C-alpha cells in the first residue's frame, strides 16, 4: 500500500512541476475570424495572414467555436525539436 501512495505522490509532484514550467512560458494571443476548426487545429484570419494554431482535448473553449466566429486565441510557443548545427559550418558561412 505504501508503494502506491509514493507512486501517486510522485505523479502529482510531476504534474504540478509540469504545470509550473508551462506557466513560466510567455503567453501570446491572436484575434480574428475563424476560417476552419478541426479536433487538432483552429485556423484564424489575422489581417492577410492565416494563423494555424494546434489544439487538443485540454484546450479550454468558451462559446460556440465554428467557422466565421470572431475569437481571441491565447497560445504559448514551445519547441518541439532543436537541431544544433556543427560549429565548422557556421564559421565557413561567416567567411563568405
Protein backbone atom coordinates (compact mmCIF):
# COMPACT_ATOMS: atom_id res chain seq x y z
CA UNK A 1 0.00 0.00 0.00
CA UNK A 2 2.88 2.35 0.76
CA UNK A 3 4.25 1.82 -2.77
CA UNK A 4 1.01 3.09 -4.30
CA UNK A 5 0.94 6.17 -2.06
CA UNK A 6 4.51 7.01 -3.05
CA UNK A 7 3.76 6.50 -6.75
CA UNK A 8 0.67 8.71 -6.58
CA UNK A 9 2.60 11.39 -4.69
CA UNK A 10 5.38 11.29 -7.27
CA UNK A 11 2.89 11.55 -10.13
CA UNK A 12 1.14 14.54 -8.53
CA UNK A 13 4.51 16.23 -7.97
CA UNK A 14 5.50 15.72 -11.60
CA UNK A 15 2.18 17.08 -12.85
CA UNK A 16 2.49 20.17 -10.63
CA UNK A 17 6.07 20.74 -11.81
CA UNK A 18 4.99 20.47 -15.45
CA UNK A 19 2.17 22.96 -14.87
CA UNK A 20 4.54 25.39 -13.18
CA UNK A 21 7.06 25.12 -16.02
CA UNK A 22 4.34 25.85 -18.60
CA UNK A 23 3.14 28.83 -16.56
CA UNK A 24 6.58 30.45 -16.97
CA UNK A 25 6.32 30.44 -20.78
CA UNK A 26 5.13 33.77 -22.20
CA UNK A 27 1.54 33.78 -23.50
CA UNK A 28 0.59 35.40 -26.81
CA UNK A 29 -2.76 35.96 -28.46
CA UNK A 30 -4.30 36.39 -31.88
CA UNK A 31 -7.77 37.79 -32.61
CA UNK A 32 -9.80 37.39 -35.78
CA UNK A 33 -12.45 35.37 -37.56
CA UNK A 34 -12.21 31.58 -37.57
CA UNK A 35 -11.62 30.10 -41.02
CA UNK A 36 -11.56 26.41 -40.04
CA UNK A 37 -11.91 24.24 -36.94
CA UNK A 38 -10.85 20.61 -36.50
CA UNK A 39 -10.18 18.44 -33.45
CA UNK A 40 -6.49 19.37 -33.69
CA UNK A 41 -6.42 22.92 -35.14
CA UNK A 42 -8.06 26.33 -35.18
CA UNK A 43 -7.34 28.50 -38.24
CA UNK A 44 -7.74 32.26 -37.66
CA UNK A 45 -7.51 35.13 -40.19
CA UNK A 46 -5.27 37.95 -38.89
CA UNK A 47 -5.20 40.72 -41.48
CA UNK A 48 -3.97 39.00 -44.64
CA UNK A 49 -2.26 36.20 -42.67
CA UNK A 50 -3.67 32.76 -41.96
CA UNK A 51 -2.75 31.54 -38.45
CA UNK A 52 -3.00 27.79 -37.90
CA UNK A 53 -2.86 27.00 -34.18
CA UNK A 54 -2.76 23.48 -32.74
CA UNK A 55 -5.20 22.37 -30.07
CA UNK A 56 -6.05 19.22 -28.13
CA UNK A 57 -8.55 17.92 -25.59
CA UNK A 58 -7.09 20.17 -22.87
CA UNK A 59 -7.77 23.38 -24.85
CA UNK A 60 -10.38 25.42 -22.97
CA UNK A 61 -13.12 26.71 -25.29
CA UNK A 62 -15.90 29.04 -24.15
CA UNK A 63 -18.77 29.68 -26.54
CA UNK A 64 -19.63 28.15 -29.91
CA UNK A 65 -16.35 27.61 -31.79
CA UNK A 66 -17.14 27.44 -35.51
CA UNK A 67 -16.08 28.96 -38.83
CA UNK A 68 -17.00 32.65 -39.00
CA UNK A 69 -16.93 33.25 -35.24
CA UNK A 70 -14.65 36.05 -34.04
CA UNK A 71 -12.24 34.66 -31.45
CA UNK A 72 -9.24 35.55 -29.36
CA UNK A 73 -6.87 32.60 -29.06
CA UNK A 74 -4.24 32.57 -26.32
CA UNK A 75 -1.27 30.36 -27.13
CA UNK A 76 2.27 29.63 -25.99
CA UNK A 77 5.29 28.77 -28.12
CA UNK A 78 7.02 25.53 -27.20
CA UNK A 79 9.93 23.96 -29.05
CA UNK A 80 9.21 20.50 -30.45
CA UNK A 81 12.78 19.87 -31.61
CA UNK A 82 16.16 21.60 -31.74
CA UNK A 83 18.82 20.82 -34.35
CA UNK A 84 22.22 22.22 -33.35
CA UNK A 85 24.45 22.83 -36.37
CA UNK A 86 28.13 21.93 -36.43
CA UNK A 87 30.41 24.83 -35.49
CA UNK A 88 32.56 24.42 -38.64
CA UNK A 89 29.59 25.11 -40.92
CA UNK A 90 28.81 28.37 -39.09
CA UNK A 91 32.40 29.64 -39.43
CA UNK A 92 32.51 28.88 -43.17
CA UNK A 93 29.29 30.80 -43.84
CA UNK A 94 30.63 33.88 -41.97
CA UNK A 95 33.83 33.86 -44.03
CA UNK A 96 31.93 34.17 -47.33
